[in-house]
C-alpha atoms as a PDB file:
ATOM      1  CA  MET A   1      13.430   0.321  -6.198  1.00  0.00           C
ATOM      2  CA  ASN A   2      14.165  -3.339  -5.769  1.00  0.00           C
ATOM      3  CA  VAL A   3      16.445  -3.655  -2.504  1.00  0.00           C
ATOM      4  CA  LYS A   4      18.116  -6.598  -4.055  1.00  0.00           C
ATOM      5  CA  SER A   5      19.067  -4.854  -7.438  1.00  0.00           C
ATOM      6  CA  LEU A   6      20.150  -1.715  -5.290  1.00  0.00           C
ATOM      7  CA  SER A   7      22.433  -3.812  -2.819  1.00  0.00           C
ATOM      8  CA  ILE A   8      24.042  -5.971  -6.005  1.00  0.00           C
ATOM      9  CA  GLY A   9      24.561  -2.240  -7.646  1.00  0.00           C
ATOM     10  CA  LEU A  10      26.448  -0.774  -4.369  1.00  0.00           C
ATOM     11  CA  ILE A  11      28.605  -3.969  -3.985  1.00  0.00           C
ATOM     12  CA  ALA A  12      29.536  -3.931  -7.727  1.00  0.00           C
ATOM     13  CA  GLY A  13      30.205  -0.038  -7.554  1.00  0.00           C
ATOM     14  CA  SER A  14      32.240  -0.717  -4.477  1.00  0.00           C
ATOM     15  CA  LEU A  15      34.277  -3.759  -5.889  1.00  0.00           C
ATOM     16  CA  ILE A  16      34.843  -1.573  -9.212  1.00  0.00           C
ATOM     17  CA  ALA A  17      35.853   1.687  -7.301  1.00  0.00           C
ATOM     18  CA  SER A  18      38.374  -0.538  -5.272  1.00  0.00           C
ATOM     19  CA  GLY A  19      39.883  -2.102  -8.559  1.00  0.00           C
ATOM     20  CA  ILE A  20      40.197   1.401 -10.235  1.00  0.00           C
ATOM     21  CA  THR A  21      41.882   2.548  -7.229  1.00  0.00           C
ATOM     22  CA  LEU A  22      44.306  -0.187  -7.225  1.00  0.00           C
ATOM     23  CA  PHE A  23      45.455   0.359 -10.672  1.00  0.00           C
ATOM     24  CA  ILE A  24      45.481   4.554 -10.466  1.00  0.00           C
ATOM     25  CA  THR A  25      47.056   5.025  -6.954  1.00  0.00           C
ATOM     26  CA  PRO A  26      50.575   5.529  -6.884  1.00  0.00           C
ATOM     27  CA  ALA A  27      50.903   4.299  -3.076  1.00  0.00           C
ATOM     28  CA  SER A  28      52.615   1.719  -1.288  1.00  0.00           C
ATOM     29  CA  GLY A  29      51.307  -1.713  -0.769  1.00  0.00           C
ATOM     30  CA  LYS A  30      50.768  -1.134   2.736  1.00  0.00           C
ATOM     31  CA  GLU A  31      49.150   2.406   2.252  1.00  0.00           C
ATOM     32  CA  LEU A  32      47.014   0.995  -0.499  1.00  0.00           C
ATOM     33  CA  GLN A  33      45.876  -2.184   1.589  1.00  0.00           C
ATOM     34  CA  ALA A  34      44.904   0.367   4.279  1.00  0.00           C
ATOM     35  CA  ARG A  35      42.778   2.538   1.986  1.00  0.00           C
ATOM     36  CA  CYS A  36      41.000  -0.711   0.684  1.00  0.00           C
ATOM     37  CA  THR A  37      40.520  -1.838   4.191  1.00  0.00           C
ATOM     38  CA  GLN A  38      39.063   1.676   4.999  1.00  0.00           C
ATOM     39  CA  ARG A  39      36.749   1.983   2.022  1.00  0.00           C
ATOM     40  CA  LEU A  40      35.567  -1.745   2.731  1.00  0.00           C
ATOM     41  CA  LYS A  41      34.764  -0.960   6.056  1.00  0.00           C
ATOM     42  CA  ALA A  42      32.957   2.118   4.884  1.00  0.00           C
ATOM     43  CA  GLY A  43      31.014   0.105   2.240  1.00  0.00           C
ATOM     44  CA  LYS A  44      30.104  -2.677   4.738  1.00  0.00           C
ATOM     45  CA  GLY A  45      28.735  -0.020   7.106  1.00  0.00           C
ATOM     46  CA  SER A  46      26.684   1.457   4.409  1.00  0.00           C
ATOM     47  CA  LEU A  47      25.317  -1.838   3.280  1.00  0.00           C
ATOM     48  CA  GLN A  48      24.315  -2.610   6.710  1.00  0.00           C
ATOM     49  CA  GLN A  49      22.582   0.604   7.275  1.00  0.00           C
ATOM     50  CA  LEU A  50      20.811   0.314   3.784  1.00  0.00           C
ATOM     51  CA  MET A  51      19.454  -3.484   5.180  1.00  0.00           C
ATOM     52  CA  ARG A  52      18.372  -2.032   8.587  1.00  0.00           C
ATOM     53  CA  GLN A  53      16.392   0.829   6.713  1.00  0.00           C
ATOM     54  CA  CYS A  54      15.046  -1.827   4.519  1.00  0.00           C
ATOM     55  CA  SER A  55      14.071  -3.888   7.220  1.00  0.00           C
ATOM     56  CA  ASP A  56      12.559  -0.792   9.231  1.00  0.00           C
ATOM     57  CA  THR A  57      10.700   0.027   5.780  1.00  0.00           C
ATOM     58  CA  THR A  58       9.158  -3.446   5.192  1.00  0.00           C
ATOM     59  CA  ALA A  59       8.088  -3.554   8.980  1.00  0.00           C
ATOM     60  CA  LYS A  60       6.426  -0.395   8.748  1.00  0.00           C
ATOM     61  CA  LEU A  61       4.851  -1.191   5.344  1.00  0.00           C
ATOM     62  CA  LYS A  62       3.424  -4.481   6.857  1.00  0.00           C
ATOM     63  CA  HIS A  63       2.122  -2.643   9.657  1.00  0.00           C
ATOM     64  CA  THR A  64       0.648   0.031   7.341  1.00  0.00           C
ATOM     65  CA  ILE A  65      -1.160  -2.676   5.165  1.00  0.00           C
ATOM     66  CA  HIS A  66      -2.581  -4.532   8.321  1.00  0.00           C
ATOM     67  CA  ILE A  67      -4.140  -1.191   9.732  1.00  0.00           C
ATOM     68  CA  THR A  68      -5.460  -0.429   6.079  1.00  0.00           C
ATOM     69  CA  LYS A  69      -7.053  -3.885   5.588  1.00  0.00           C
ATOM     70  CA  GLU A  70      -8.465  -3.567   9.265  1.00  0.00           C
ATOM     71  CA  GLN A  71     -10.106  -0.346   8.386  1.00  0.00           C
ATOM     72  CA  GLY A  72     -11.445  -1.342   5.232  1.00  0.00           C
ATOM     73  CA  GLN A  73     -13.061  -4.164   6.856  1.00  0.00           C
ATOM     74  CA  GLU A  74     -14.477  -1.960   9.375  1.00  0.00           C
ATOM     75  CA  LEU A  75     -15.700   0.510   6.674  1.00  0.00           C
ATOM     76  CA  ALA A  76     -17.293  -2.393   4.755  1.00  0.00           C
ATOM     77  CA  HIS A  77     -19.305  -3.428   7.794  1.00  0.00           C
ATOM     78  CA  GLU A  78     -20.581   0.110   8.815  1.00  0.00           C
ATOM     79  CA  SER A  79     -21.437   0.578   5.036  1.00  0.00           C
ATOM     80  CA  LYS A  80     -23.585  -2.470   5.041  1.00  0.00           C
ATOM     81  CA  GLU A  81     -25.229  -1.582   8.125  1.00  0.00           C
ATOM     82  CA  ILE A  82     -25.995   1.836   7.122  1.00  0.00           C
ATOM     83  CA  ILE A  83     -27.622   0.514   4.036  1.00  0.00           C
ATOM     84  CA  GLU A  84     -29.797  -2.143   5.813  1.00  0.00           C
ATOM     85  CA  ASN A  85     -30.797   0.677   8.268  1.00  0.00           C
ATOM     86  CA  TYR A  86     -31.736   2.839   5.465  1.00  0.00           C
ATOM     87  CA  ARG A  87     -33.999   0.045   3.494  1.00  0.00           C
ATOM     88  CA  GLN A  88     -35.603  -0.693   6.888  1.00  0.00           C
ATOM     89  CA  ASP A  89     -36.238   2.726   7.180  1.00  0.00           C
ATOM     90  CA  ILE A  90     -37.898   3.222   3.949  1.00  0.00           C
ATOM     91  CA  GLU A  91     -39.659  -0.008   4.010  1.00  0.00           C
ATOM     92  CA  PRO A  92     -43.036   1.418   5.310  1.00  0.00           C
ATOM     93  CA  SER A  93     -42.943   4.236   2.926  1.00  0.00           C
ATOM     94  CA  LEU A  94     -42.428   2.186  -0.420  1.00  0.00           C
ATOM     95  CA  GLU A  95     -45.479  -0.087   1.079  1.00  0.00           C
ATOM     96  CA  ARG A  96     -47.876   2.957   1.425  1.00  0.00           C
ATOM     97  CA  LEU A  97     -46.477   4.357  -1.928  1.00  0.00           C
ATOM     98  CA  LYS A  98     -47.362   1.101  -3.779  1.00  0.00           C
ATOM     99  CA  ASN A  99     -50.767   0.852  -2.075  1.00  0.00           C
ATOM    100  CA  ASP A 100     -51.576   4.505  -2.832  1.00  0.00           C
ATOM    101  CA  ILE A 101     -50.454   3.554  -6.709  1.00  0.00           C
ATOM    102  CA  THR A 102     -52.408   0.805  -6.594  1.00  0.00           C
ATOM    103  CA  SER A 103     -55.498   2.567  -5.304  1.00  0.00           C
ATOM    104  CA  LEU A 104     -54.907   5.131  -7.836  1.00  0.00           C
ATOM    105  CA  GLN A 105     -54.757   2.656 -10.680  1.00  0.00           C
ATOM    106  CA  GLN A 106     -58.062   1.191  -9.392  1.00  0.00           C
ATOM    107  CA  GLN A 107     -59.835   4.686  -9.290  1.00  0.00           C
ATOM    108  CA  VAL A 108     -58.641   5.290 -12.869  1.00  0.00           C
ATOM    109  CA  ASN A 109     -60.038   2.057 -13.917  1.00  0.00           C
ATOM    110  CA  ASN A 110     -63.399   2.629 -11.919  1.00  0.00           C
ATOM    111  CA  MET A 111     -63.742   6.089 -13.688  1.00  0.00           C
ATOM    112  CA  LYS A 112     -62.932   4.678 -17.179  1.00  0.00           C
ATOM    113  CA  ASP A 113     -65.535   2.085 -16.707  1.00  0.00           C
ATOM    114  CA  SER A 114     -68.016   4.365 -15.595  1.00  0.00           C
ATOM    115  CA  ASP A 115     -67.837   6.488 -18.426  1.00  0.00           C
END
């Protein structure tokens, strides 16, 4: 949810509610003024609380992104090391297999030539 849209909605809703209250409430001017002041203070407090929550949430999100980025980089580095170690471990076996295959091919060719 967009914080700016939410804030605008809260402010617009408060203003509309205040306007409607002015027109439908049968009260004296001072009573009406006191109610409006009270509601504006409550709305201001709610808006400030919402802004604090948004700020806290933004800070937590930035922290989470930072941690996720670090862990992703660590994982990529570890994966590269594991793959490189695996390649180094199987390199001798691959060379032996290539040599064995070459030897077998030569033996087959020699057998064909002798027939």
